[in-house]
Amino acid sequence: MSQAKSYFFSGVGGSGMLPLALILRGKGVTVAGSDRSLDQGRLGAKFEYLKAQGIALFPQDGSGITSADQILVRSAAVEDTVGDVVAAKRVGAEDLKRPQLLAELFNAAPVRIGVAGTSGKSTTTGMIAWLLHRAGKDPTVMNGAVMKNFVTPDALFASALVGKGDAFVSEVDESDGSIARYEPTIAVVNNIALDHKSMDELRALFSGFVNKAEIAVLNLDNDETAALVMATKVRTRTYSLRSGLADLHCSAIRPAPDGISFDALEKDTRESATVDLAVPGEHNVSNALAALSVARVCGLSLGVAAAALKGFSGTKRRLEIVGKANNITVIDDFGHNPDKITATLKTLHAFPGRLLIMFQPHGFGPLKLMRDEFIDCFARNMSDDDVLIMPDPVYFGGTVDRAVGSEQIVAGVRARGLQAMAFAERNACGDKLIELAEPGDRIVVMGARDDTLSVFATELLARLGAK
């Protein structure tokens, strides 16, 4: 990181960009940025927050980049034709992709905790952040989701922490291959499943990541991750929901609509501790076991770490209850790949109530790659009275193959005997949800890469209240 230069974030409002900009700003670096959503007049609260942190904002037309002393940082969604990129090239400013900068910051830290996996990264990162924070270790944290524990009136978008301690905790992403850039002290892998890349590519990426670590924290419940235990050359610490072969496993899982409890058991020490989570679902038990494993590696006792997890309040858009109106509950959820969707639907179906699911795909590419897996995950996890409603996938411009869209997914789900429908516009999906909703129903708004989904969920709640 260059302290002498200033950084300009093109796409500064993105879930991976905003926390990185906040970390640099928290270190005293001059930061500015632009965003397509800002130009469109959307997500005003987020950009007011960034301005309050001392981050200057510009249109995404290149007007904010005027000097070779600036460093352009851009997200994957910002193409070469965007004004900021054109301006950077014109004035001779360095052009960095977001993962390059994050890896530079991460690799410079004394203790580097990288959280990887197809699903559960944000929640696990948030849990680790909370445990280290409570232990007084003052970590720096880069998360792709807002961590509710750290939200204050002055920090409404707390997806980053800037600490003075040795630890840097970060999600690391395999979808763009950037996981290869990170050199972790502790490498966490929650799970490996088809998402963005082929399985052969994923195996190579995760293996490379784990083998650069001093110790790897690995999930025995996922076959692909369990295979890393035998293949890796580094020390491992394993966890599992039920296998006593793991270094840390659990028993007596006790689910509730708004949380879940379990007993954590350590194989070598024979210590045990009861964990009471305020977030529901067995997938969060698995996330908690990963976080507890990291805490043990960092020197925390199992009892102290388990007690601290009771205060973990979750991450935004992870099975987040927006509210209830006329006995209809609205839930906002980040589920966007088959594993995440399956975890959400299984958790919700553990308790009564029909599900009205609005799933907005996060791109045409994932639908093409995982068409059959999407159809199968809905068909296996929906009840006969559930309804799936899909708008067109998110599209932010550029060239993309639109061969597989929402219509193909709902057709496949209908062919399996379940209720599903597609509308081109999201507003039409909202109208149908309001029309269908009855007391006792739960409306689930699912999808990624689009912060307006939370706004949409809030608007649905208001419409239900006026129904």
Protein backbone atom coordinates (compact mmCIF):
# COMPACT_ATOMS: atom_id res chain seq x y z
CA MET A 1 0.00 0.00 0.00
CA SER A 2 1.36 3.39 -1.00
CA GLN A 3 0.84 6.06 1.70
CA ALA A 4 2.11 8.76 -0.67
CA LYS A 5 -0.61 8.23 -3.27
CA SER A 6 -4.37 8.56 -3.08
CA TYR A 7 -6.77 5.78 -4.05
CA PHE A 8 -9.83 6.11 -6.26
CA PHE A 9 -12.40 3.29 -6.00
CA SER A 10 -14.52 2.83 -9.11
CA GLY A 11 -17.58 0.96 -7.88
CA VAL A 12 -16.98 2.08 -4.29
CA GLY A 13 -20.44 1.02 -3.14
CA GLY A 14 -19.90 -2.66 -3.95
CA SER A 15 -19.91 -5.23 -1.14
CA GLY A 16 -16.23 -6.02 -1.71
CA MET A 17 -15.17 -2.45 -2.46
CA LEU A 18 -16.76 -0.49 0.38
CA PRO A 19 -14.99 -2.28 3.27
CA LEU A 20 -11.66 -2.09 1.48
CA ALA A 21 -12.11 1.67 0.97
CA LEU A 22 -13.00 2.01 4.68
CA ILE A 23 -9.90 0.09 5.76
CA LEU A 24 -7.63 2.37 3.72
CA ARG A 25 -9.43 5.46 4.99
CA GLY A 26 -9.12 4.16 8.55
CA LYS A 27 -5.36 3.92 8.03
CA GLY A 28 -5.27 7.62 7.14
CA VAL A 29 -5.01 7.21 3.38
CA THR A 30 -6.78 9.66 1.05
CA VAL A 31 -9.67 7.82 -0.64
CA ALA A 32 -12.23 8.92 -3.24
CA GLY A 33 -14.61 7.00 -5.45
CA SER A 34 -17.49 6.69 -7.87
CA ASP A 35 -20.35 4.27 -8.39
CA ARG A 36 -22.99 3.54 -11.00
CA SER A 37 -25.66 3.42 -8.29
CA LEU A 38 -24.66 6.90 -7.13
CA ASP A 39 -25.08 8.23 -10.67
CA GLN A 40 -28.52 6.59 -10.83
CA GLY A 41 -29.60 8.18 -7.55
CA ARG A 42 -29.87 4.84 -5.73
CA LEU A 43 -28.70 3.76 -2.25
CA GLY A 44 -28.33 7.30 -0.97
CA ALA A 45 -27.76 6.31 2.68
CA LYS A 46 -24.70 4.25 1.77
CA PHE A 47 -23.04 7.09 -0.12
CA GLU A 48 -23.85 9.64 2.59
CA TYR A 49 -22.10 7.29 5.00
CA LEU A 50 -19.02 7.12 2.78
CA LYS A 51 -18.90 10.91 2.53
CA ALA A 52 -19.15 11.14 6.32
CA GLN A 53 -16.01 8.98 6.52
CA GLY A 54 -14.13 11.55 4.44
CA ILE A 55 -14.38 9.72 1.12
CA ALA A 56 -15.02 12.16 -1.73
CA LEU A 57 -17.50 10.96 -4.37
CA PHE A 58 -17.58 11.70 -8.10
CA PRO A 59 -19.64 10.64 -11.12
CA GLN A 60 -18.34 7.47 -12.80
CA ASP A 61 -17.25 9.47 -15.83
CA GLY A 62 -13.54 9.87 -15.13
CA SER A 63 -13.81 13.34 -13.65
CA GLY A 64 -12.41 12.14 -10.32
CA ILE A 65 -9.16 10.86 -11.82
CA THR A 66 -6.86 13.69 -12.82
CA SER A 67 -3.34 12.71 -11.76
CA ALA A 68 -0.75 9.97 -12.14
CA ASP A 69 -0.37 10.13 -8.33
CA GLN A 70 -3.76 8.45 -7.97
CA ILE A 71 -4.25 4.68 -7.92
CA LEU A 72 -7.42 3.40 -9.53
CA VAL A 73 -9.01 0.43 -7.75
CA ARG A 74 -11.86 -1.21 -9.60
CA SER A 75 -14.26 -4.07 -9.09
CA ALA A 76 -14.80 -6.86 -11.61
CA ALA A 77 -17.99 -5.09 -12.74
CA VAL A 78 -16.05 -2.04 -13.97
CA GLU A 79 -15.01 -2.68 -17.57
CA ASP A 80 -12.24 -1.03 -19.59
CA THR A 81 -14.74 1.25 -21.33
CA VAL A 82 -15.91 2.93 -18.10
CA GLY A 83 -14.89 6.59 -17.85
CA ASP A 84 -12.74 6.12 -14.74
CA VAL A 85 -10.62 3.47 -16.45
CA VAL A 86 -10.25 5.56 -19.59
CA ALA A 87 -9.20 8.57 -17.49
CA ALA A 88 -6.67 6.54 -15.50
CA LYS A 89 -5.05 5.34 -18.70
CA ARG A 90 -4.99 8.89 -20.08
CA VAL A 91 -3.24 10.45 -17.05
CA GLY A 92 -0.98 7.45 -16.35
CA ALA A 93 -2.56 6.40 -13.04
CA GLU A 94 -1.95 2.88 -11.80
CA ASP A 95 -4.89 0.54 -12.44
CA LEU A 96 -5.46 -2.11 -9.74
CA LYS A 97 -8.14 -4.77 -9.49
CA ARG A 98 -9.77 -4.99 -6.06
CA PRO A 99 -8.26 -8.42 -5.18
CA GLN A 100 -4.75 -7.14 -5.90
CA LEU A 101 -5.06 -4.40 -3.29
CA LEU A 102 -6.78 -6.63 -0.74
CA ALA A 103 -4.10 -9.31 -1.09
CA GLU A 104 -1.39 -6.66 -0.66
CA LEU A 105 -2.94 -5.45 2.62
CA PHE A 106 -3.69 -8.98 3.84
CA ASN A 107 -0.24 -10.40 3.10
CA ALA A 108 1.45 -7.53 4.95
CA ALA A 109 -0.26 -8.38 8.27
CA PRO A 110 1.59 -10.35 10.99
CA VAL A 111 -1.32 -12.82 11.44
CA ARG A 112 -3.40 -13.50 8.34
CA ILE A 113 -6.72 -15.36 8.70
CA GLY A 114 -8.27 -16.12 5.31
CA VAL A 115 -11.82 -17.46 5.19
CA ALA A 116 -12.63 -19.37 2.01
CA GLY A 117 -15.35 -21.64 0.71
CA THR A 118 -18.34 -21.62 -1.58
CA SER A 119 -20.77 -20.76 1.22
CA GLY A 120 -20.64 -19.29 4.72
CA LYS A 121 -17.62 -17.00 4.29
CA SER A 122 -19.26 -13.77 5.45
CA THR A 123 -20.91 -15.25 8.54
CA THR A 124 -17.78 -17.17 9.55
CA THR A 125 -15.67 -14.02 9.04
CA GLY A 126 -18.13 -12.06 11.19
CA MET A 127 -18.00 -14.71 13.94
CA ILE A 128 -14.18 -14.73 13.96
CA ALA A 129 -14.15 -10.93 14.03
CA TRP A 130 -16.48 -10.90 17.02
CA LEU A 131 -14.50 -13.55 18.94
CA LEU A 132 -11.17 -11.78 18.39
CA HIS A 133 -12.72 -8.40 19.20
CA ARG A 134 -14.20 -9.74 22.46
CA ALA A 135 -10.83 -11.26 23.33
CA GLY A 136 -9.22 -7.81 23.02
CA LYS A 137 -7.14 -8.71 19.97
CA ASP A 138 -8.38 -5.64 18.02
CA PRO A 139 -8.37 -7.24 14.53
CA THR A 140 -8.61 -5.60 11.14
CA VAL A 141 -11.49 -7.24 9.26
CA MET A 142 -12.60 -7.24 5.64
CA ASN A 143 -16.08 -8.71 5.19
CA GLY A 144 -18.41 -8.85 2.20
CA ALA A 145 -21.40 -8.29 4.48
CA VAL A 146 -22.35 -5.82 7.18
CA MET A 147 -21.51 -7.24 10.62
CA LYS A 148 -24.43 -6.38 12.91
CA ASN A 149 -22.30 -6.47 16.05
CA PHE A 150 -20.32 -3.48 14.85
CA VAL A 151 -23.17 -1.36 13.50
CA THR A 152 -23.56 1.98 15.29
CA PRO A 153 -25.35 5.23 14.35
CA ASP A 154 -21.98 6.41 13.01
CA ALA A 155 -21.14 3.11 11.28
CA LEU A 156 -24.29 1.84 9.58
CA PHE A 157 -22.34 -0.13 6.94
CA ALA A 158 -19.91 -1.94 9.24
CA SER A 159 -18.44 -4.46 6.83
CA ALA A 160 -14.90 -3.52 7.87
CA LEU A 161 -12.93 -3.00 11.07
CA VAL A 162 -9.63 -1.18 11.31
CA GLY A 163 -7.76 -2.50 14.34
CA LYS A 164 -4.31 -2.07 15.85
CA GLY A 165 -3.80 -5.78 16.56
CA ASP A 166 -1.74 -8.28 14.58
CA ALA A 167 -4.68 -10.13 12.99
CA PHE A 168 -6.14 -9.35 9.57
CA VAL A 169 -9.30 -11.42 8.97
CA SER A 170 -10.68 -11.50 5.45
CA GLU A 171 -12.99 -13.35 3.16
CA VAL A 172 -11.07 -14.64 0.16
CA ASP A 173 -12.80 -15.32 -3.12
CA GLU A 174 -12.36 -18.30 -5.41
CA SER A 175 -14.89 -17.18 -8.02
CA ASP A 176 -12.40 -14.88 -9.82
CA GLY A 177 -9.33 -16.96 -9.02
CA SER A 178 -7.96 -14.27 -6.69
CA ILE A 179 -7.69 -16.76 -3.81
CA ALA A 180 -4.32 -17.65 -5.35
CA ARG A 181 -2.94 -14.24 -4.29
CA TYR A 182 -3.34 -14.74 -0.54
CA GLU A 183 -0.71 -16.10 1.85
CA PRO A 184 -2.62 -17.02 5.01
CA THR A 185 -1.30 -17.89 8.43
CA ILE A 186 -4.62 -19.65 9.10
CA ALA A 187 -6.57 -20.91 6.07
CA VAL A 188 -10.25 -21.68 6.67
CA VAL A 189 -12.19 -23.68 4.09
CA ASN A 190 -15.89 -24.14 4.90
CA ASN A 191 -16.88 -26.10 1.81
CA ILE A 192 -16.17 -26.54 -1.88
CA ALA A 193 -19.02 -26.83 -4.39
CA LEU A 194 -19.72 -25.91 -7.99
CA ASP A 195 -20.02 -22.12 -8.26
CA HIS A 196 -18.52 -19.95 -11.04
CA LYS A 197 -15.69 -22.39 -11.92
CA SER A 198 -15.34 -26.09 -12.75
CA MET A 199 -14.60 -28.51 -9.92
CA ASP A 200 -11.10 -29.20 -11.25
CA GLU A 201 -10.29 -25.48 -11.18
CA LEU A 202 -11.75 -25.14 -7.69
CA ARG A 203 -9.77 -28.09 -6.33
CA ALA A 204 -6.53 -26.58 -7.62
CA LEU A 205 -7.32 -23.13 -6.19
CA PHE A 206 -8.32 -24.35 -2.72
CA SER A 207 -5.40 -26.77 -2.52
CA GLY A 208 -2.97 -23.99 -3.38
CA PHE A 209 -4.53 -21.70 -0.78
CA VAL A 210 -4.39 -24.28 2.01
CA ASN A 211 -0.81 -25.36 1.27
CA LYS A 212 0.49 -21.81 1.75
CA ALA A 213 -0.85 -21.66 5.33
CA GLU A 214 0.77 -22.55 8.63
CA ILE A 215 -2.44 -24.29 9.71
CA ALA A 216 -5.65 -25.13 7.85
CA VAL A 217 -9.11 -25.24 9.44
CA LEU A 218 -11.15 -27.71 7.38
CA ASN A 219 -14.74 -29.00 7.35
CA LEU A 220 -14.99 -32.80 7.39
CA ASP A 221 -18.71 -32.68 6.46
CA ASN A 222 -17.90 -31.55 2.92
CA ASP A 223 -16.33 -34.31 0.83
CA GLU A 224 -14.17 -31.96 -1.24
CA THR A 225 -12.86 -30.12 1.83
CA ALA A 226 -12.30 -33.38 3.71
CA ALA A 227 -10.16 -34.58 0.81
CA LEU A 228 -7.80 -31.65 1.47
CA VAL A 229 -7.00 -33.06 4.92
CA MET A 230 -5.17 -36.01 3.39
CA ALA A 231 -3.71 -34.06 0.48
CA THR A 232 -2.34 -31.04 2.33
CA LYS A 233 1.20 -30.81 3.64
CA VAL A 234 0.37 -28.34 6.45
CA ARG A 235 -0.99 -28.85 9.96
CA THR A 236 -4.77 -29.14 10.04
CA ARG A 237 -7.56 -28.60 12.53
CA THR A 238 -10.84 -30.21 11.50
CA TYR A 239 -14.45 -29.69 12.50
CA SER A 240 -17.71 -31.51 11.86
CA LEU A 241 -21.35 -31.40 12.86
CA ARG A 242 -21.38 -35.05 13.87
CA SER A 243 -18.13 -36.92 13.22
CA GLY A 244 -16.13 -37.68 16.34
CA LEU A 245 -13.05 -37.99 14.11
CA ALA A 246 -12.93 -34.18 13.86
CA ASP A 247 -10.83 -32.12 16.25
CA LEU A 248 -14.00 -30.19 17.10
CA HIS A 249 -17.49 -31.60 16.68
CA CYS A 250 -20.91 -31.07 18.19
CA SER A 251 -23.84 -32.93 19.68
CA ALA A 252 -27.36 -32.21 20.94
CA ILE A 253 -28.27 -29.69 18.25
CA ARG A 254 -31.38 -27.80 19.40
CA PRO A 255 -32.99 -25.67 16.66
CA ALA A 256 -35.35 -22.74 17.18
CA PRO A 257 -36.99 -20.30 14.72
CA ASP A 258 -34.63 -17.48 15.68
CA GLY A 259 -31.50 -19.36 16.72
CA ILE A 260 -29.88 -22.70 17.43
CA SER A 261 -27.97 -24.27 20.35
CA PHE A 262 -25.49 -27.12 20.50
CA ASP A 263 -22.69 -28.64 22.57
CA ALA A 264 -19.17 -28.27 21.15
CA LEU A 265 -16.76 -31.12 21.97
CA GLU A 266 -12.98 -31.11 21.54
CA LYS A 267 -11.41 -34.45 20.73
CA ASP A 268 -7.92 -34.06 22.23
CA THR A 269 -8.67 -32.11 25.40
CA ARG A 270 -12.14 -33.66 25.92
CA GLU A 271 -13.36 -30.18 26.80
CA SER A 272 -16.95 -29.25 26.00
CA ALA A 273 -19.00 -26.07 25.97
CA THR A 274 -22.59 -25.14 25.21
CA VAL A 275 -23.06 -22.66 22.38
CA ASP A 276 -26.25 -20.60 22.07
CA LEU A 277 -26.46 -18.88 18.67
CA ALA A 278 -28.87 -16.05 17.89
CA VAL A 279 -28.82 -17.06 14.20
CA PRO A 280 -30.77 -20.14 13.01
CA GLY A 281 -29.88 -23.19 10.94
CA GLU A 282 -27.44 -26.10 11.05
CA HIS A 283 -25.30 -24.31 8.47
CA ASN A 284 -24.62 -21.70 11.16
CA VAL A 285 -23.60 -24.46 13.58
CA SER A 286 -20.98 -25.41 10.98
CA ASN A 287 -19.90 -21.76 10.62
CA ALA A 288 -19.63 -21.50 14.41
CA LEU A 289 -17.45 -24.63 14.61
CA ALA A 290 -15.10 -23.07 12.03
CA ALA A 291 -14.92 -19.83 14.04
CA LEU A 292 -14.36 -21.69 17.31
CA SER A 293 -11.56 -23.67 15.64
CA VAL A 294 -9.85 -20.42 14.61
CA ALA A 295 -10.32 -19.03 18.12
CA ARG A 296 -8.61 -22.10 19.59
CA VAL A 297 -5.69 -21.71 17.18
CA CYS A 298 -5.43 -18.06 18.32
CA GLY A 299 -5.18 -19.13 21.95
CA LEU A 300 -8.73 -18.62 23.22
CA SER A 301 -10.21 -21.29 25.48
CA LEU A 302 -13.21 -23.20 24.16
CA GLY A 303 -15.40 -22.02 27.05
CA VAL A 304 -14.55 -18.34 26.60
CA ALA A 305 -15.05 -18.49 22.81
CA ALA A 306 -18.35 -20.39 23.13
CA ALA A 307 -19.68 -17.85 25.62
CA ALA A 308 -18.71 -14.97 23.35
CA LEU A 309 -20.58 -16.50 20.40
CA LYS A 310 -23.82 -16.06 22.36
CA GLY A 311 -23.44 -12.35 21.66
CA PHE A 312 -22.95 -12.78 17.91
CA SER A 313 -25.87 -10.98 16.25
CA GLY A 314 -25.30 -12.06 12.65
CA THR A 315 -24.59 -10.45 9.31
CA LYS A 316 -26.95 -8.45 7.16
CA ARG A 317 -29.02 -10.28 4.52
CA ARG A 318 -28.34 -13.71 6.01
CA LEU A 319 -31.82 -15.01 6.84
CA GLU A 320 -32.57 -11.52 8.14
CA ILE A 321 -36.15 -10.94 9.28
CA VAL A 322 -37.21 -7.57 7.86
CA GLY A 323 -40.50 -7.62 9.78
CA LYS A 324 -44.01 -8.99 9.99
CA ALA A 325 -47.31 -7.47 8.78
CA ASN A 326 -50.74 -9.10 8.92
CA ASN A 327 -49.02 -12.26 10.18
CA ILE A 328 -46.88 -12.44 7.01
CA THR A 329 -43.11 -12.45 7.59
CA VAL A 330 -40.64 -10.89 5.14
CA ILE A 331 -37.10 -12.32 5.12
CA ASP A 332 -34.09 -10.87 3.28
CA ASP A 333 -31.43 -13.42 2.31
CA PHE A 334 -28.16 -13.51 0.35
CA GLY A 335 -28.78 -17.03 -1.01
CA HIS A 336 -27.63 -17.08 -4.63
CA ASN A 337 -26.01 -20.45 -5.32
CA PRO A 338 -27.49 -23.94 -4.83
CA ASP A 339 -25.66 -24.58 -1.53
CA LYS A 340 -26.77 -21.31 0.04
CA ILE A 341 -30.34 -21.63 -1.23
CA THR A 342 -30.55 -25.19 0.10
CA ALA A 343 -29.31 -24.09 3.55
CA THR A 344 -31.87 -21.27 3.69
CA LEU A 345 -34.83 -23.40 2.59
CA LYS A 346 -33.93 -26.27 4.94
CA THR A 347 -33.65 -23.89 7.87
CA LEU A 348 -37.01 -22.26 7.12
CA HIS A 349 -38.79 -25.57 6.50
CA ALA A 350 -37.84 -26.78 9.97
CA PHE A 351 -40.79 -24.64 11.14
CA PRO A 352 -44.36 -24.16 9.83
CA GLY A 353 -45.42 -21.71 7.14
CA ARG A 354 -45.61 -21.62 3.35
CA LEU A 355 -42.65 -20.02 1.54
CA LEU A 356 -43.14 -17.47 -1.22
CA ILE A 357 -39.63 -17.30 -2.68
CA MET A 358 -38.46 -14.48 -4.91
CA PHE A 359 -35.03 -15.40 -6.24
CA GLN A 360 -33.20 -12.84 -8.38
CA PRO A 361 -30.19 -14.53 -10.04
CA HIS A 362 -26.93 -12.63 -9.72
CA GLY A 363 -26.03 -13.04 -13.38
CA PHE A 364 -26.66 -14.98 -16.58
CA GLY A 365 -23.30 -16.78 -16.31
CA PRO A 366 -24.08 -18.66 -13.08
CA LEU A 367 -27.46 -19.76 -14.48
CA LYS A 368 -25.79 -21.23 -17.53
CA LEU A 369 -23.09 -22.99 -15.48
CA MET A 370 -25.44 -24.35 -12.81
CA ARG A 371 -28.81 -24.60 -14.54
CA ASP A 372 -29.47 -28.20 -13.49
CA GLU A 373 -28.15 -27.61 -9.95
CA PHE A 374 -30.46 -24.59 -9.47
CA ILE A 375 -33.48 -26.55 -10.69
CA ASP A 376 -32.59 -29.49 -8.48
CA CYS A 377 -32.00 -27.44 -5.32
CA PHE A 378 -35.41 -25.76 -5.60
CA ALA A 379 -37.19 -29.00 -6.54
CA ARG A 380 -35.66 -30.88 -3.59
CA ASN A 381 -36.19 -28.16 -0.99
CA MET A 382 -39.57 -26.62 -1.86
CA SER A 383 -42.83 -27.94 -0.42
CA ASP A 384 -45.85 -28.55 -2.61
CA ASP A 385 -47.52 -25.32 -1.49
CA ASP A 386 -44.38 -23.15 -1.83
CA VAL A 387 -44.14 -20.78 -4.79
CA LEU A 388 -40.95 -19.72 -6.60
CA ILE A 389 -41.04 -16.38 -8.45
CA MET A 390 -38.06 -15.15 -10.48
CA PRO A 391 -37.30 -11.88 -12.28
CA ASP A 392 -34.62 -11.60 -14.96
CA PRO A 393 -31.03 -11.92 -13.68
CA VAL A 394 -29.05 -8.90 -12.53
CA TYR A 395 -27.44 -7.17 -15.51
CA PHE A 396 -25.01 -4.28 -15.11
CA GLY A 397 -24.02 -3.92 -18.75
CA GLY A 398 -21.33 -5.44 -20.92
CA THR A 399 -21.32 -8.53 -23.07
CA VAL A 400 -22.92 -11.64 -21.64
CA ASP A 401 -24.40 -14.88 -22.96
CA ARG A 402 -28.13 -14.83 -22.19
CA ALA A 403 -28.84 -18.37 -23.40
CA VAL A 404 -30.10 -19.43 -19.96
CA GLY A 405 -32.39 -17.10 -18.03
CA SER A 406 -34.99 -17.26 -15.28
CA GLU A 407 -37.62 -18.78 -17.60
CA GLN A 408 -35.51 -21.90 -18.07
CA ILE A 409 -35.09 -22.36 -14.31
CA VAL A 410 -38.79 -22.01 -13.48
CA ALA A 411 -39.71 -24.32 -16.36
CA GLY A 412 -37.43 -26.97 -14.91
CA VAL A 413 -38.91 -26.53 -11.43
CA ARG A 414 -42.46 -26.73 -12.82
CA ALA A 415 -41.52 -29.92 -14.66
CA ARG A 416 -40.71 -31.41 -11.25
CA GLY A 417 -44.30 -30.74 -10.14
CA LEU A 418 -43.78 -27.54 -8.15
CA GLN A 419 -45.16 -24.01 -8.46
CA ALA A 420 -42.84 -21.56 -10.20
CA MET A 421 -43.21 -18.51 -12.45
CA ALA A 422 -41.01 -15.87 -14.06
CA PHE A 423 -41.53 -12.19 -14.82
CA ALA A 424 -39.11 -9.95 -16.69
CA GLU A 425 -39.46 -7.09 -14.19
CA ARG A 426 -38.90 -7.34 -10.45
CA ASN A 427 -41.83 -5.01 -9.75
CA ALA A 428 -44.15 -7.56 -11.35
CA CYS A 429 -42.72 -10.19 -9.00
CA GLY A 430 -43.54 -7.90 -6.09
CA ASP A 431 -47.11 -7.48 -7.28
CA LYS A 432 -47.54 -11.27 -7.52
CA LEU A 433 -46.08 -11.80 -4.03
CA ILE A 434 -48.53 -9.29 -2.55
CA GLU A 435 -51.39 -10.94 -4.43
CA LEU A 436 -50.48 -14.44 -3.20
CA ALA A 437 -49.50 -13.65 0.39
CA GLU A 438 -51.78 -14.94 3.14
CA PRO A 439 -51.49 -14.95 6.97
CA GLY A 440 -48.88 -17.47 8.09
CA ASP A 441 -46.79 -17.14 4.89
CA ARG A 442 -43.12 -16.22 4.80
CA ILE A 443 -41.86 -14.16 1.86
CA VAL A 444 -38.15 -14.78 1.18
CA VAL A 445 -36.28 -12.28 -0.99
CA MET A 446 -33.10 -13.99 -2.24
CA GLY A 447 -30.18 -12.87 -4.38
CA ALA A 448 -26.75 -11.22 -4.47
CA ARG A 449 -24.85 -8.38 -6.17
CA ASP A 450 -27.80 -5.98 -5.85
CA ASP A 451 -28.19 -3.89 -2.69
CA THR A 452 -31.64 -2.73 -3.81
CA LEU A 453 -33.00 -6.18 -2.90
CA SER A 454 -33.06 -5.03 0.74
CA VAL A 455 -35.00 -1.93 -0.29
CA PHE A 456 -37.39 -4.16 -2.25
CA ALA A 457 -37.95 -6.36 0.83
CA THR A 458 -38.66 -3.33 3.00
CA GLU A 459 -41.15 -2.01 0.44
CA LEU A 460 -42.91 -5.39 0.36
CA LEU A 461 -43.33 -5.24 4.14
CA ALA A 462 -44.85 -1.76 3.89
CA ARG A 463 -47.27 -2.91 1.15
CA LEU A 464 -48.32 -5.89 3.26
CA GLY A 465 -49.06 -3.57 6.15
CA ALA A 466 -51.35 -1.54 3.93
CA LYS A 467 -53.00 -4.62 2.40
